[in-house]
Amino acid sequence: MNEARTGPAQTARVGESSLAVRPVRAAHARAEVVARTAGVRPPRSPPTSLGRLDEVGGGINYYFYRHALKLQLDYVHTWGPALPTGRGDLLRVQLQVMF
């Protein structure tokens, strides 16, 4: 858990946890299942513009050539009063190429 400074006399608690699971033959596995959860807890006093926010997500990483070439697909669901609609959803695809 970290404390984030947002201005004079404003702090918030930020926490994050994640998990990555590879199949039993992990030495040469190409696919990886991942999960993540995070949240922000603003202080009760003094009043602040920060709002409570929570998120949970999961996805799959596929390694073509280690971390130098990988494809990531993940979904994140976010909720809390910090969002205008109270909730949000994100589906993301990323390709990482390092050279």
Protein backbone atom coordinates (compact mmCIF):
# COMPACT_ATOMS: atom_id res chain seq x y z
CA MET A 1 0.00 0.00 0.00
CA ASN A 2 1.39 3.39 -0.97
CA GLU A 3 0.50 6.92 0.04
CA ALA A 4 0.08 9.33 -2.85
CA ARG A 5 0.43 13.07 -2.27
CA THR A 6 -2.10 15.05 -4.25
CA GLY A 7 -1.46 18.54 -2.97
CA PRO A 8 -1.18 20.39 0.33
CA ALA A 9 -2.43 18.17 3.17
CA GLN A 10 -4.08 15.62 0.85
CA THR A 11 -3.05 11.98 0.89
CA ALA A 12 -4.72 8.84 -0.37
CA ARG A 13 -4.08 5.15 0.11
CA VAL A 14 -3.38 3.27 -3.12
CA GLY A 15 -3.15 -0.51 -3.22
CA GLU A 16 -2.49 -2.97 -6.01
CA SER A 17 -2.06 -6.72 -6.32
CA SER A 18 -1.49 -8.95 -9.34
CA LEU A 19 -1.09 -12.61 -10.23
CA ALA A 20 0.39 -14.38 -13.25
CA VAL A 21 -0.09 -18.11 -13.78
CA ARG A 22 1.70 -20.22 -16.37
CA PRO A 23 0.84 -23.82 -17.30
CA VAL A 24 2.65 -26.71 -15.60
CA ARG A 25 5.28 -26.89 -18.34
CA ALA A 26 6.26 -23.32 -17.46
CA ALA A 27 9.82 -23.45 -18.78
CA HIS A 28 8.74 -23.02 -22.41
CA ALA A 29 5.14 -21.94 -22.04
CA ARG A 30 3.96 -19.33 -24.51
CA ALA A 31 0.67 -18.32 -22.83
CA GLU A 32 0.16 -16.75 -19.42
CA VAL A 33 -3.08 -15.98 -17.57
CA VAL A 34 -3.00 -12.76 -15.54
CA ALA A 35 -5.24 -11.06 -12.96
CA ARG A 36 -5.06 -7.68 -11.24
CA THR A 37 -6.94 -5.69 -8.64
CA ALA A 38 -6.35 -2.12 -7.45
CA GLY A 39 -8.04 0.60 -5.44
CA VAL A 40 -7.79 4.15 -4.14
CA ARG A 41 -9.02 5.12 -0.68
CA PRO A 42 -9.18 8.87 -0.04
CA PRO A 43 -8.93 10.16 3.53
CA ARG A 44 -12.11 10.97 5.44
CA SER A 45 -10.66 14.14 6.88
CA PRO A 46 -9.80 16.76 5.66
CA PRO A 47 -12.28 16.93 2.75
CA THR A 48 -10.67 16.13 -0.61
CA SER A 49 -11.57 16.04 -4.29
CA LEU A 50 -10.31 12.45 -4.51
CA GLY A 51 -12.98 9.77 -4.85
CA ARG A 52 -12.93 6.09 -3.98
CA LEU A 53 -12.08 3.92 -6.98
CA ASP A 54 -11.77 0.14 -7.40
CA GLU A 55 -10.80 -2.01 -10.36
CA VAL A 56 -10.43 -5.68 -11.17
CA GLY A 57 -9.19 -7.24 -14.37
CA GLY A 58 -7.87 -10.29 -16.10
CA GLY A 59 -6.18 -11.21 -19.33
CA ILE A 60 -3.89 -13.39 -21.38
CA ASN A 61 -0.31 -12.76 -22.47
CA TYR A 62 1.07 -14.67 -25.47
CA TYR A 63 4.85 -14.73 -25.93
CA PHE A 64 6.07 -15.18 -29.50
CA TYR A 65 9.71 -14.55 -28.54
CA ARG A 66 10.04 -13.96 -24.77
CA HIS A 67 9.31 -10.36 -23.74
CA ALA A 68 10.82 -9.05 -26.99
CA LEU A 69 7.66 -9.96 -28.93
CA LYS A 70 4.42 -10.50 -27.04
CA LEU A 71 0.70 -9.92 -27.44
CA GLN A 72 -1.40 -8.89 -24.44
CA LEU A 73 -5.20 -8.97 -24.17
CA ASP A 74 -6.92 -7.77 -21.00
CA TYR A 75 -10.25 -6.59 -19.63
CA VAL A 76 -10.59 -4.17 -16.68
CA HIS A 77 -13.80 -3.29 -14.83
CA THR A 78 -13.65 -0.07 -12.76
CA TRP A 79 -16.25 1.26 -10.30
CA GLY A 80 -16.64 3.91 -7.66
CA PRO A 81 -17.88 7.46 -7.11
CA ALA A 82 -14.70 8.89 -8.72
CA LEU A 83 -16.13 8.00 -12.16
CA PRO A 84 -18.83 10.16 -13.79
CA THR A 85 -21.08 7.15 -14.51
CA GLY A 86 -20.06 5.18 -11.42
CA ARG A 87 -18.45 2.41 -13.49
CA GLY A 88 -16.29 1.79 -16.53
CA ASP A 89 -15.09 -1.09 -18.69
CA LEU A 90 -11.94 -1.37 -20.79
CA LEU A 91 -10.92 -4.04 -23.29
CA ARG A 92 -7.33 -3.58 -24.44
CA VAL A 93 -5.01 -5.34 -26.92
CA GLN A 94 -1.30 -4.47 -26.92
CA LEU A 95 1.58 -5.72 -29.03
CA GLN A 96 5.05 -5.26 -27.58
CA VAL A 97 8.07 -5.31 -29.89
CA MET A 98 11.57 -4.65 -28.55
CA PHE A 99 14.62 -4.39 -30.75
